[in-house]
Amino acid sequence: MTAKEVSLAIAGAGVGAALGYFVFQHFLSRGLVLLVVPGALLGVGRALFSRTPSNFLGLICAAASLGLSTWLANTLYVDGLEALNTRDWLSILVGGGFAFWFGRGRGSRGYASSETQE
C-alpha cells in the first residue's frame, strides 16, 4: 500500500466515524441506542475512500470502532461502562465486526480475499 492509499483509508474511516456519530446521536434523540452504527459506518467510510483490500486496515477499523462505541456508551450512561448490559456490549462487538468486514476493503469478489492480499 502506498502512502496515498493509507491516507485515503484514514480519511475515509474518519468521515465514516463522524457520520456514524451523528447518525447515532440522531437515533438517540428518538430513544434508540444503536451502538452498532458508528463502527459499521467507520468501516464503510474506509471501504469507499480506499478500494485497496487490506486485512490489517480492517483490524485497525475494528479497534477504532470498539474505541468509538465504548466512548459513546461511556458518555451515555451516568455510571459509565458498568451500566452497560449484555445487549449493549453485543451491539458494540457487532459494530466492531462490521467495521472489520467493511474496513478490510473490497477485492475482486466484493471482499478482501486472500488472493488479492499483498
C-alpha atoms as a PDB file:
ATOM      1  CA  MET A   1       0.000   0.000   0.000  1.00  0.00           C
ATOM      2  CA  THR A   2       1.207   3.443  -0.814  1.00  0.00           C
ATOM      3  CA  ALA A   3       1.076   6.449   1.488  1.00  0.00           C
ATOM      4  CA  LYS A   4      -1.744   7.884  -0.616  1.00  0.00           C
ATOM      5  CA  GLU A   5      -3.863   4.739  -0.158  1.00  0.00           C
ATOM      6  CA  VAL A   6      -3.266   4.726   3.601  1.00  0.00           C
ATOM      7  CA  SER A   7      -4.126   8.435   3.794  1.00  0.00           C
ATOM      8  CA  LEU A   8      -7.347   7.832   1.890  1.00  0.00           C
ATOM      9  CA  ALA A   9      -8.200   4.910   4.163  1.00  0.00           C
ATOM     10  CA  ILE A  10      -7.670   7.006   7.294  1.00  0.00           C
ATOM     11  CA  ALA A  11      -9.665   9.906   5.852  1.00  0.00           C
ATOM     12  CA  GLY A  12     -12.495   7.573   4.880  1.00  0.00           C
ATOM     13  CA  ALA A  13     -12.556   5.978   8.308  1.00  0.00           C
ATOM     14  CA  GLY A  14     -12.647   9.433   9.890  1.00  0.00           C
ATOM     15  CA  VAL A  15     -15.518  10.574   7.691  1.00  0.00           C
ATOM     16  CA  GLY A  16     -17.390   7.334   8.369  1.00  0.00           C
ATOM     17  CA  ALA A  17     -16.813   7.662  12.125  1.00  0.00           C
ATOM     18  CA  ALA A  18     -18.071  11.253  12.125  1.00  0.00           C
ATOM     19  CA  LEU A  19     -21.139  10.259  10.116  1.00  0.00           C
ATOM     20  CA  GLY A  20     -21.687   7.304  12.450  1.00  0.00           C
ATOM     21  CA  TYR A  21     -21.503   9.616  15.466  1.00  0.00           C
ATOM     22  CA  PHE A  22     -24.155  11.947  14.048  1.00  0.00           C
ATOM     23  CA  VAL A  23     -26.417   9.079  12.982  1.00  0.00           C
ATOM     24  CA  PHE A  24     -26.045   7.598  16.478  1.00  0.00           C
ATOM     25  CA  GLN A  25     -26.990  10.950  18.049  1.00  0.00           C
ATOM     26  CA  HIS A  26     -29.974  11.273  15.700  1.00  0.00           C
ATOM     27  CA  PHE A  27     -31.364   7.898  16.709  1.00  0.00           C
ATOM     28  CA  LEU A  28     -30.521   8.527  20.364  1.00  0.00           C
ATOM     29  CA  SER A  29     -32.652  11.696  20.293  1.00  0.00           C
ATOM     30  CA  ARG A  30     -35.530   9.443  19.216  1.00  0.00           C
ATOM     31  CA  GLY A  31     -34.935   6.974  22.034  1.00  0.00           C
ATOM     32  CA  LEU A  32     -32.934   4.298  20.193  1.00  0.00           C
ATOM     33  CA  VAL A  33     -29.470   3.290  21.392  1.00  0.00           C
ATOM     34  CA  LEU A  34     -27.771   1.868  18.288  1.00  0.00           C
ATOM     35  CA  LEU A  35     -24.152   1.361  19.303  1.00  0.00           C
ATOM     36  CA  VAL A  36     -23.541  -0.740  16.186  1.00  0.00           C
ATOM     37  CA  VAL A  37     -23.938   2.222  13.796  1.00  0.00           C
ATOM     38  CA  PRO A  38     -20.710   4.200  14.437  1.00  0.00           C
ATOM     39  CA  GLY A  39     -18.476   1.177  13.884  1.00  0.00           C
ATOM     40  CA  ALA A  40     -20.277  -0.027  10.797  1.00  0.00           C
ATOM     41  CA  LEU A  41     -20.140   3.404   9.159  1.00  0.00           C
ATOM     42  CA  LEU A  42     -16.466   3.755  10.085  1.00  0.00           C
ATOM     43  CA  GLY A  43     -15.715   0.603   8.096  1.00  0.00           C
ATOM     44  CA  VAL A  44     -17.954   1.643   5.205  1.00  0.00           C
ATOM     45  CA  GLY A  45     -16.184   5.015   5.015  1.00  0.00           C
ATOM     46  CA  ARG A  46     -12.795   3.312   4.816  1.00  0.00           C
ATOM     47  CA  ALA A  47     -14.010   0.967   2.087  1.00  0.00           C
ATOM     48  CA  LEU A  48     -15.482   3.779  -0.001  1.00  0.00           C
ATOM     49  CA  PHE A  49     -12.426   6.031   0.169  1.00  0.00           C
ATOM     50  CA  SER A  50      -9.737   3.392  -0.318  1.00  0.00           C
ATOM     51  CA  ARG A  51     -10.563   0.451  -2.534  1.00  0.00           C
ATOM     52  CA  THR A  52      -7.361  -1.451  -1.771  1.00  0.00           C
ATOM     53  CA  PRO A  53      -8.113  -4.627   0.237  1.00  0.00           C
ATOM     54  CA  SER A  54      -6.219  -4.981   3.500  1.00  0.00           C
ATOM     55  CA  ASN A  55      -6.968  -7.197   6.485  1.00  0.00           C
ATOM     56  CA  PHE A  56      -4.595  -5.065   8.567  1.00  0.00           C
ATOM     57  CA  LEU A  57      -6.666  -1.934   7.915  1.00  0.00           C
ATOM     58  CA  GLY A  58      -9.759  -3.963   8.719  1.00  0.00           C
ATOM     59  CA  LEU A  59      -8.292  -4.758  12.136  1.00  0.00           C
ATOM     60  CA  ILE A  60      -7.432  -1.088  12.646  1.00  0.00           C
ATOM     61  CA  CYS A  61     -11.024  -0.161  11.770  1.00  0.00           C
ATOM     62  CA  ALA A  62     -12.360  -2.776  14.207  1.00  0.00           C
ATOM     63  CA  ALA A  63     -10.168  -1.450  17.021  1.00  0.00           C
ATOM     64  CA  ALA A  64     -11.178   2.150  16.267  1.00  0.00           C
ATOM     65  CA  SER A  65     -14.816   1.081  16.166  1.00  0.00           C
ATOM     66  CA  LEU A  66     -14.602  -0.590  19.562  1.00  0.00           C
ATOM     67  CA  GLY A  67     -12.963   2.515  20.999  1.00  0.00           C
ATOM     68  CA  LEU A  68     -15.514   4.889  19.481  1.00  0.00           C
ATOM     69  CA  SER A  69     -18.545   2.846  20.513  1.00  0.00           C
ATOM     70  CA  THR A  70     -17.187   2.283  24.017  1.00  0.00           C
ATOM     71  CA  TRP A  71     -16.557   6.014  24.387  1.00  0.00           C
ATOM     72  CA  LEU A  72     -20.092   6.793  23.216  1.00  0.00           C
ATOM     73  CA  ALA A  73     -21.535   4.251  25.635  1.00  0.00           C
ATOM     74  CA  ASN A  74     -19.424   5.644  28.468  1.00  0.00           C
ATOM     75  CA  THR A  75     -20.727   9.170  27.855  1.00  0.00           C
ATOM     76  CA  LEU A  76     -24.287   7.876  27.514  1.00  0.00           C
ATOM     77  CA  TYR A  77     -24.666   6.345  30.966  1.00  0.00           C
ATOM     78  CA  VAL A  78     -24.026   8.180  34.232  1.00  0.00           C
ATOM     79  CA  ASP A  79     -22.481   5.069  35.812  1.00  0.00           C
ATOM     80  CA  GLY A  80     -20.120   4.590  32.876  1.00  0.00           C
ATOM     81  CA  LEU A  81     -19.317   1.232  31.376  1.00  0.00           C
ATOM     82  CA  GLU A  82     -20.570  -0.617  34.464  1.00  0.00           C
ATOM     83  CA  ALA A  83     -24.127   0.321  33.442  1.00  0.00           C
ATOM     84  CA  LEU A  84     -23.916  -1.463  30.083  1.00  0.00           C
ATOM     85  CA  ASN A  85     -25.988  -4.598  29.759  1.00  0.00           C
ATOM     86  CA  THR A  86     -25.315  -7.617  27.560  1.00  0.00           C
ATOM     87  CA  ARG A  87     -27.276  -6.177  24.649  1.00  0.00           C
ATOM     88  CA  ASP A  88     -25.130  -3.021  24.656  1.00  0.00           C
ATOM     89  CA  TRP A  89     -21.875  -4.995  24.735  1.00  0.00           C
ATOM     90  CA  LEU A  90     -23.120  -7.266  21.970  1.00  0.00           C
ATOM     91  CA  SER A  91     -24.055  -4.236  19.876  1.00  0.00           C
ATOM     92  CA  ILE A  92     -20.558  -2.780  20.345  1.00  0.00           C
ATOM     93  CA  LEU A  93     -18.947  -6.090  19.329  1.00  0.00           C
ATOM     94  CA  VAL A  94     -21.194  -6.490  16.263  1.00  0.00           C
ATOM     95  CA  GLY A  95     -20.268  -2.936  15.242  1.00  0.00           C
ATOM     96  CA  GLY A  96     -16.602  -3.917  15.540  1.00  0.00           C
ATOM     97  CA  GLY A  97     -17.256  -6.951  13.367  1.00  0.00           C
ATOM     98  CA  PHE A  98     -18.937  -4.810  10.727  1.00  0.00           C
ATOM     99  CA  ALA A  99     -16.045  -2.337  10.910  1.00  0.00           C
ATOM    100  CA  PHE A 100     -13.593  -5.164  10.248  1.00  0.00           C
ATOM    101  CA  TRP A 101     -15.678  -6.660   7.452  1.00  0.00           C
ATOM    102  CA  PHE A 102     -16.266  -3.394   5.617  1.00  0.00           C
ATOM    103  CA  GLY A 103     -12.938  -1.861   6.651  1.00  0.00           C
ATOM    104  CA  ARG A 104     -10.835  -4.569   5.047  1.00  0.00           C
ATOM    105  CA  GLY A 105     -11.862  -3.275   1.643  1.00  0.00           C
ATOM    106  CA  ARG A 106     -13.142  -4.871  -1.496  1.00  0.00           C
ATOM    107  CA  GLY A 107     -11.327  -7.458  -3.532  1.00  0.00           C
ATOM    108  CA  SER A 108     -12.255  -8.862  -6.920  1.00  0.00           C
ATOM    109  CA  ARG A 109     -15.335 -10.630  -5.477  1.00  0.00           C
ATOM    110  CA  GLY A 110     -16.626  -7.773  -3.343  1.00  0.00           C
ATOM    111  CA  TYR A 111     -14.469  -8.525  -0.298  1.00  0.00           C
ATOM    112  CA  ALA A 112     -10.787  -8.828   0.579  1.00  0.00           C
ATOM    113  CA  SER A 113      -9.863 -12.355  -0.387  1.00  0.00           C
ATOM    114  CA  SER A 114      -6.519 -13.973   0.300  1.00  0.00           C
ATOM    115  CA  GLU A 115      -5.675 -13.941  -3.418  1.00  0.00           C
ATOM    116  CA  THR A 116      -5.807 -10.117  -3.535  1.00  0.00           C
ATOM    117  CA  GLN A 117      -3.623  -9.505  -0.481  1.00  0.00           C
ATOM    118  CA  GLU A 118      -0.108  -8.186  -0.976  1.00  0.00           C
END
